[in-house]
Amino acid sequence: MTKCKCTNCDCNIIHKKDVESVKQKMLDDEILLLTADFYKALSDSTRIKIINALDEAELCVCDISALLNMTKSAVSHQLQNLKEMDLIKSRRQGKEVFYSLADEHVRQVFEISLEHVLEELNEKTSEN
């Protein structure tokens, strides 16, 4: 029997059945790494602002630059990062390139995250 060294746990019991059951269901390390990379892509405030904007409408670099008060070069760099992570897609119309969210999953992750943050914010505000 191995002693648990968790800071919030005084037990000395490892629930082997539970551990084995979960171990068999755990995802492959590569999949978990890719999932972590997905969240890393969203962890930058500029990129999340771009996701927020693209959640509302398809936009070109100039539109996003104006919205975020940033240079086109800086926005293009962030768009490239988002595109490499398959979070956004682009569509060419003549000389313009328009960007949108890659798919409904990206929209859902953003909106669920936003819902969670707003819920927590409302709870903290109502406590004060």
N, C-alpha and C. Protein backbone atom coordinates (compact mmCIF):
# COMPACT_ATOMS: atom_id res chain seq x y z
N MET A 1 0.84 -1.17 0.00
CA MET A 1 0.00 0.00 0.00
C MET A 1 0.89 1.24 0.00
N THR A 2 0.61 2.19 -0.94
CA THR A 2 1.39 3.40 -1.06
C THR A 2 0.68 4.54 -0.36
N LYS A 3 1.42 5.32 0.38
CA LYS A 3 0.83 6.44 1.10
C LYS A 3 0.64 7.62 0.15
N CYS A 4 -0.54 8.20 0.20
CA CYS A 4 -0.86 9.37 -0.61
C CYS A 4 -0.13 10.58 -0.04
N LYS A 5 0.54 11.35 -0.89
CA LYS A 5 1.29 12.52 -0.42
C LYS A 5 0.61 13.81 -0.84
N CYS A 6 -0.67 13.74 -1.14
CA CYS A 6 -1.43 14.92 -1.53
C CYS A 6 -1.50 15.88 -0.34
N THR A 7 -1.51 17.14 -0.60
CA THR A 7 -1.56 18.12 0.50
C THR A 7 -2.92 18.15 1.18
N ASN A 8 -3.97 17.78 0.49
CA ASN A 8 -5.31 17.84 1.06
C ASN A 8 -5.86 16.47 1.42
N CYS A 9 -5.01 15.47 1.48
CA CYS A 9 -5.49 14.11 1.70
C CYS A 9 -4.72 13.47 2.85
N ASP A 10 -5.45 12.99 3.82
CA ASP A 10 -4.82 12.30 4.95
C ASP A 10 -4.90 10.79 4.82
N CYS A 11 -5.46 10.30 3.75
CA CYS A 11 -5.64 8.86 3.63
C CYS A 11 -4.34 8.16 3.26
N ASN A 12 -4.29 6.88 3.50
CA ASN A 12 -3.15 6.05 3.14
C ASN A 12 -3.56 4.97 2.16
N ILE A 13 -4.67 5.17 1.51
CA ILE A 13 -5.24 4.13 0.67
C ILE A 13 -5.20 4.56 -0.80
N ILE A 14 -4.69 3.66 -1.62
CA ILE A 14 -4.79 3.84 -3.07
C ILE A 14 -5.90 2.92 -3.54
N HIS A 15 -6.87 3.46 -4.22
CA HIS A 15 -8.01 2.69 -4.71
C HIS A 15 -7.61 2.07 -6.05
N LYS A 16 -6.98 0.91 -5.97
CA LYS A 16 -6.36 0.28 -7.14
C LYS A 16 -7.34 0.03 -8.28
N LYS A 17 -8.55 -0.39 -7.98
CA LYS A 17 -9.55 -0.64 -9.03
C LYS A 17 -9.83 0.65 -9.80
N ASP A 18 -10.04 1.72 -9.06
CA ASP A 18 -10.33 3.01 -9.69
C ASP A 18 -9.14 3.49 -10.53
N VAL A 19 -7.96 3.36 -9.95
CA VAL A 19 -6.75 3.80 -10.66
C VAL A 19 -6.57 3.00 -11.95
N GLU A 20 -6.72 1.71 -11.89
CA GLU A 20 -6.57 0.86 -13.08
C GLU A 20 -7.64 1.17 -14.12
N SER A 21 -8.86 1.37 -13.66
CA SER A 21 -9.97 1.67 -14.57
C SER A 21 -9.70 2.98 -15.31
N VAL A 22 -9.29 4.00 -14.58
CA VAL A 22 -9.01 5.30 -15.20
C VAL A 22 -7.78 5.19 -16.10
N LYS A 23 -6.77 4.47 -15.66
CA LYS A 23 -5.54 4.31 -16.44
C LYS A 23 -5.83 3.74 -17.82
N GLN A 24 -6.75 2.79 -17.89
CA GLN A 24 -7.11 2.18 -19.17
C GLN A 24 -7.85 3.15 -20.08
N LYS A 25 -8.50 4.14 -19.49
CA LYS A 25 -9.29 5.09 -20.27
C LYS A 25 -8.54 6.38 -20.60
N MET A 26 -7.38 6.56 -19.99
CA MET A 26 -6.60 7.78 -20.22
C MET A 26 -6.20 7.88 -21.69
N LEU A 27 -6.20 9.09 -22.19
CA LEU A 27 -5.82 9.34 -23.57
C LEU A 27 -4.31 9.21 -23.75
N ASP A 28 -3.91 8.97 -24.97
CA ASP A 28 -2.50 8.88 -25.35
C ASP A 28 -1.82 10.22 -25.06
N ASP A 29 -0.56 10.18 -24.63
CA ASP A 29 0.20 11.40 -24.31
C ASP A 29 0.24 12.38 -25.48
N GLU A 30 0.34 11.87 -26.70
CA GLU A 30 0.40 12.76 -27.87
C GLU A 30 -0.91 13.54 -28.03
N ILE A 31 -2.03 12.89 -27.81
CA ILE A 31 -3.32 13.56 -27.90
C ILE A 31 -3.45 14.61 -26.80
N LEU A 32 -3.00 14.28 -25.60
CA LEU A 32 -3.06 15.24 -24.50
C LEU A 32 -2.13 16.43 -24.76
N LEU A 33 -0.97 16.19 -25.36
CA LEU A 33 -0.05 17.26 -25.70
C LEU A 33 -0.67 18.19 -26.75
N LEU A 34 -1.31 17.62 -27.75
CA LEU A 34 -1.99 18.43 -28.77
C LEU A 34 -3.13 19.24 -28.16
N THR A 35 -3.82 18.66 -27.20
CA THR A 35 -4.89 19.38 -26.52
C THR A 35 -4.32 20.54 -25.71
N ALA A 36 -3.20 20.30 -25.04
CA ALA A 36 -2.54 21.37 -24.29
C ALA A 36 -2.10 22.49 -25.24
N ASP A 37 -1.58 22.12 -26.41
CA ASP A 37 -1.17 23.12 -27.41
C ASP A 37 -2.36 23.95 -27.88
N PHE A 38 -3.52 23.31 -28.01
CA PHE A 38 -4.74 24.01 -28.39
C PHE A 38 -5.04 25.12 -27.38
N TYR A 39 -4.95 24.78 -26.10
CA TYR A 39 -5.21 25.78 -25.06
C TYR A 39 -4.10 26.82 -24.99
N LYS A 40 -2.87 26.44 -25.29
CA LYS A 40 -1.78 27.43 -25.33
C LYS A 40 -2.06 28.47 -26.40
N ALA A 41 -2.59 28.04 -27.52
CA ALA A 41 -2.90 28.98 -28.61
C ALA A 41 -3.94 29.99 -28.16
N LEU A 42 -4.82 29.59 -27.27
CA LEU A 42 -5.86 30.48 -26.77
C LEU A 42 -5.40 31.28 -25.54
N SER A 43 -4.21 31.00 -25.04
CA SER A 43 -3.78 31.62 -23.79
C SER A 43 -3.22 33.04 -23.97
N ASP A 44 -3.07 33.49 -25.18
CA ASP A 44 -2.56 34.83 -25.45
C ASP A 44 -3.74 35.80 -25.59
N SER A 45 -3.68 36.93 -24.89
CA SER A 45 -4.82 37.87 -24.88
C SER A 45 -5.12 38.43 -26.27
N THR A 46 -4.10 38.66 -27.09
CA THR A 46 -4.36 39.17 -28.44
C THR A 46 -5.06 38.11 -29.27
N ARG A 47 -4.61 36.88 -29.19
CA ARG A 47 -5.25 35.82 -29.97
C ARG A 47 -6.69 35.59 -29.50
N ILE A 48 -6.94 35.69 -28.22
CA ILE A 48 -8.32 35.49 -27.74
C ILE A 48 -9.20 36.67 -28.17
N LYS A 49 -8.63 37.87 -28.28
CA LYS A 49 -9.40 39.01 -28.81
C LYS A 49 -9.76 38.77 -30.28
N ILE A 50 -8.82 38.21 -31.02
CA ILE A 50 -9.09 37.90 -32.43
C ILE A 50 -10.17 36.83 -32.52
N ILE A 51 -10.09 35.80 -31.70
CA ILE A 51 -11.13 34.76 -31.67
C ILE A 51 -12.47 35.39 -31.34
N ASN A 52 -12.49 36.29 -30.37
CA ASN A 52 -13.73 36.99 -29.99
C ASN A 52 -14.30 37.76 -31.18
N ALA A 53 -13.45 38.47 -31.89
CA ALA A 53 -13.90 39.24 -33.05
C ALA A 53 -14.43 38.31 -34.15
N LEU A 54 -13.71 37.22 -34.40
CA LEU A 54 -14.12 36.30 -35.46
C LEU A 54 -15.33 35.47 -35.05
N ASP A 55 -15.62 35.42 -33.78
CA ASP A 55 -16.84 34.78 -33.31
C ASP A 55 -18.06 35.61 -33.73
N GLU A 56 -17.83 36.89 -33.95
CA GLU A 56 -18.92 37.79 -34.35
C GLU A 56 -19.07 37.93 -35.85
N ALA A 57 -17.94 37.89 -36.58
CA ALA A 57 -18.02 38.10 -38.04
C ALA A 57 -16.73 37.68 -38.72
N GLU A 58 -16.83 37.39 -40.00
CA GLU A 58 -15.66 37.16 -40.84
C GLU A 58 -15.02 38.52 -41.09
N LEU A 59 -13.70 38.62 -40.89
CA LEU A 59 -13.02 39.92 -41.00
C LEU A 59 -11.70 39.79 -41.73
N CYS A 60 -11.23 40.89 -42.32
CA CYS A 60 -9.90 40.92 -42.93
C CYS A 60 -8.90 41.50 -41.93
N VAL A 61 -7.64 41.45 -42.28
CA VAL A 61 -6.57 41.94 -41.40
C VAL A 61 -6.80 43.41 -41.05
N CYS A 62 -7.18 44.21 -42.02
CA CYS A 62 -7.40 45.64 -41.76
C CYS A 62 -8.52 45.85 -40.74
N ASP A 63 -9.59 45.07 -40.86
CA ASP A 63 -10.70 45.17 -39.90
C ASP A 63 -10.23 44.83 -38.49
N ILE A 64 -9.50 43.74 -38.38
CA ILE A 64 -9.02 43.29 -37.06
C ILE A 64 -8.03 44.30 -36.50
N SER A 65 -7.17 44.83 -37.34
CA SER A 65 -6.21 45.85 -36.91
C SER A 65 -6.92 47.07 -36.34
N ALA A 66 -7.96 47.50 -37.03
CA ALA A 66 -8.72 48.67 -36.56
C ALA A 66 -9.43 48.35 -35.24
N LEU A 67 -10.02 47.17 -35.15
CA LEU A 67 -10.72 46.77 -33.93
C LEU A 67 -9.81 46.74 -32.71
N LEU A 68 -8.61 46.17 -32.90
CA LEU A 68 -7.70 45.96 -31.78
C LEU A 68 -6.67 47.07 -31.62
N ASN A 69 -6.73 48.05 -32.53
CA ASN A 69 -5.77 49.17 -32.50
C ASN A 69 -4.33 48.64 -32.53
N MET A 70 -4.09 47.75 -33.49
CA MET A 70 -2.77 47.14 -33.65
C MET A 70 -2.33 47.29 -35.10
N THR A 71 -1.04 47.11 -35.34
CA THR A 71 -0.55 47.16 -36.72
C THR A 71 -1.00 45.92 -37.48
N LYS A 72 -1.11 46.07 -38.79
CA LYS A 72 -1.48 44.92 -39.62
C LYS A 72 -0.44 43.81 -39.49
N SER A 73 0.81 44.18 -39.34
CA SER A 73 1.88 43.21 -39.20
C SER A 73 1.71 42.37 -37.93
N ALA A 74 1.40 43.04 -36.82
CA ALA A 74 1.21 42.33 -35.55
C ALA A 74 0.00 41.40 -35.62
N VAL A 75 -1.07 41.88 -36.24
CA VAL A 75 -2.28 41.06 -36.38
C VAL A 75 -2.00 39.88 -37.30
N SER A 76 -1.31 40.13 -38.40
CA SER A 76 -0.98 39.05 -39.34
C SER A 76 -0.17 37.95 -38.65
N HIS A 77 0.75 38.34 -37.79
CA HIS A 77 1.56 37.37 -37.06
C HIS A 77 0.67 36.48 -36.18
N GLN A 78 -0.28 37.09 -35.48
CA GLN A 78 -1.18 36.33 -34.61
C GLN A 78 -2.14 35.47 -35.44
N LEU A 79 -2.59 35.99 -36.56
CA LEU A 79 -3.45 35.20 -37.44
C LEU A 79 -2.72 33.96 -37.95
N GLN A 80 -1.45 34.13 -38.27
CA GLN A 80 -0.65 32.99 -38.73
C GLN A 80 -0.56 31.93 -37.63
N ASN A 81 -0.34 32.36 -36.39
CA ASN A 81 -0.29 31.41 -35.27
C ASN A 81 -1.61 30.66 -35.14
N LEU A 82 -2.71 31.39 -35.20
CA LEU A 82 -4.03 30.77 -35.07
C LEU A 82 -4.31 29.81 -36.23
N LYS A 83 -3.86 30.20 -37.41
CA LYS A 83 -4.08 29.35 -38.59
C LYS A 83 -3.26 28.07 -38.49
N GLU A 84 -2.02 28.18 -38.02
CA GLU A 84 -1.16 27.00 -37.84
C GLU A 84 -1.76 26.01 -36.84
N MET A 85 -2.51 26.53 -35.88
CA MET A 85 -3.15 25.68 -34.87
C MET A 85 -4.55 25.24 -35.32
N ASP A 86 -4.91 25.55 -36.56
CA ASP A 86 -6.21 25.18 -37.14
C ASP A 86 -7.39 25.75 -36.35
N LEU A 87 -7.21 26.93 -35.78
CA LEU A 87 -8.30 27.58 -35.06
C LEU A 87 -9.07 28.55 -35.93
N ILE A 88 -8.43 29.02 -37.00
CA ILE A 88 -9.09 29.90 -37.95
C ILE A 88 -8.82 29.41 -39.37
N LYS A 89 -9.60 29.92 -40.30
CA LYS A 89 -9.39 29.61 -41.72
C LYS A 89 -9.47 30.93 -42.49
N SER A 90 -8.99 30.90 -43.71
CA SER A 90 -9.01 32.11 -44.53
C SER A 90 -9.69 31.85 -45.86
N ARG A 91 -10.19 32.96 -46.42
CA ARG A 91 -10.87 32.90 -47.71
C ARG A 91 -10.45 34.14 -48.50
N ARG A 92 -9.95 33.90 -49.71
CA ARG A 92 -9.50 35.02 -50.56
C ARG A 92 -10.66 35.51 -51.42
N GLN A 93 -10.80 36.84 -51.45
CA GLN A 93 -11.80 37.47 -52.32
C GLN A 93 -11.08 38.61 -53.03
N GLY A 94 -10.67 38.35 -54.25
CA GLY A 94 -9.85 39.32 -54.98
C GLY A 94 -8.52 39.47 -54.28
N LYS A 95 -8.18 40.72 -53.90
CA LYS A 95 -6.92 40.98 -53.21
C LYS A 95 -7.06 40.86 -51.70
N GLU A 96 -8.28 40.73 -51.22
CA GLU A 96 -8.50 40.66 -49.78
C GLU A 96 -8.56 39.22 -49.28
N VAL A 97 -8.11 39.03 -48.05
CA VAL A 97 -8.20 37.73 -47.38
C VAL A 97 -9.06 37.93 -46.15
N PHE A 98 -10.11 37.13 -46.04
CA PHE A 98 -11.01 37.21 -44.91
C PHE A 98 -10.80 36.00 -44.01
N TYR A 99 -10.87 36.24 -42.72
CA TYR A 99 -10.64 35.20 -41.72
C TYR A 99 -11.91 34.90 -40.95
N SER A 100 -12.06 33.63 -40.58
CA SER A 100 -13.19 33.20 -39.77
C SER A 100 -12.73 32.05 -38.89
N LEU A 101 -13.55 31.70 -37.92
CA LEU A 101 -13.22 30.57 -37.06
C LEU A 101 -13.21 29.29 -37.89
N ALA A 102 -12.32 28.38 -37.54
CA ALA A 102 -12.13 27.17 -38.34
C ALA A 102 -13.37 26.30 -38.38
N ASP A 103 -14.07 26.19 -37.26
CA ASP A 103 -15.26 25.36 -37.22
C ASP A 103 -16.08 25.65 -35.96
N GLU A 104 -17.17 24.95 -35.84
CA GLU A 104 -18.08 25.16 -34.72
C GLU A 104 -17.43 24.81 -33.38
N HIS A 105 -16.48 23.88 -33.39
CA HIS A 105 -15.82 23.49 -32.14
C HIS A 105 -15.06 24.66 -31.52
N VAL A 106 -14.37 25.43 -32.36
CA VAL A 106 -13.62 26.59 -31.86
C VAL A 106 -14.61 27.59 -31.26
N ARG A 107 -15.71 27.82 -31.94
CA ARG A 107 -16.75 28.73 -31.44
C ARG A 107 -17.27 28.23 -30.08
N GLN A 108 -17.56 26.96 -29.99
CA GLN A 108 -18.10 26.40 -28.75
C GLN A 108 -17.12 26.50 -27.60
N VAL A 109 -15.84 26.18 -27.85
CA VAL A 109 -14.84 26.27 -26.79
C VAL A 109 -14.74 27.71 -26.29
N PHE A 110 -14.69 28.67 -27.22
CA PHE A 110 -14.61 30.07 -26.82
C PHE A 110 -15.85 30.48 -26.02
N GLU A 111 -17.02 30.16 -26.53
CA GLU A 111 -18.25 30.59 -25.88
C GLU A 111 -18.46 29.91 -24.53
N ILE A 112 -18.10 28.64 -24.41
CA ILE A 112 -18.22 27.95 -23.12
C ILE A 112 -17.22 28.52 -22.13
N SER A 113 -16.01 28.82 -22.59
CA SER A 113 -15.01 29.44 -21.71
C SER A 113 -15.49 30.80 -21.24
N LEU A 114 -16.04 31.57 -22.15
CA LEU A 114 -16.56 32.89 -21.81
C LEU A 114 -17.71 32.77 -20.80
N GLU A 115 -18.59 31.82 -21.02
CA GLU A 115 -19.70 31.59 -20.09
C GLU A 115 -19.18 31.27 -18.69
N HIS A 116 -18.17 30.43 -18.62
CA HIS A 116 -17.58 30.06 -17.33
C HIS A 116 -16.98 31.30 -16.64
N VAL A 117 -16.22 32.08 -17.38
CA VAL A 117 -15.57 33.27 -16.81
C VAL A 117 -16.62 34.27 -16.32
N LEU A 118 -17.65 34.50 -17.12
CA LEU A 118 -18.70 35.44 -16.72
C LEU A 118 -19.47 34.94 -15.50
N GLU A 119 -19.70 33.64 -15.44
CA GLU A 119 -20.38 33.04 -14.30
C GLU A 119 -19.57 33.26 -13.02
N GLU A 120 -18.27 33.00 -13.09
CA GLU A 120 -17.39 33.20 -11.94
C GLU A 120 -17.34 34.67 -11.54
N LEU A 121 -17.27 35.55 -12.53
CA LEU A 121 -17.22 36.99 -12.28
C LEU A 121 -18.50 37.45 -11.60
N ASN A 122 -19.64 36.96 -12.07
CA ASN A 122 -20.94 37.32 -11.46
C ASN A 122 -21.03 36.82 -10.02
N GLU A 123 -20.52 35.62 -9.76
CA GLU A 123 -20.54 35.08 -8.41
C GLU A 123 -19.67 35.93 -7.48
N LYS A 124 -18.49 36.32 -7.94
CA LYS A 124 -17.61 37.14 -7.12
C LYS A 124 -18.21 38.52 -6.88
N THR A 125 -18.85 39.07 -7.90
CA THR A 125 -19.47 40.39 -7.78
C THR A 125 -20.63 40.35 -6.79
N SER A 126 -21.42 39.28 -6.84
CA SER A 126 -22.58 39.18 -5.94
C SER A 126 -22.16 38.90 -4.50
N GLU A 127 -20.96 38.35 -4.30
CA GLU A 127 -20.45 38.11 -2.93
C GLU A 127 -20.06 39.41 -2.25
N ASN A 128 -19.67 40.40 -3.01
CA ASN A 128 -19.21 41.68 -2.44
C ASN A 128 -20.30 42.61 -2.19
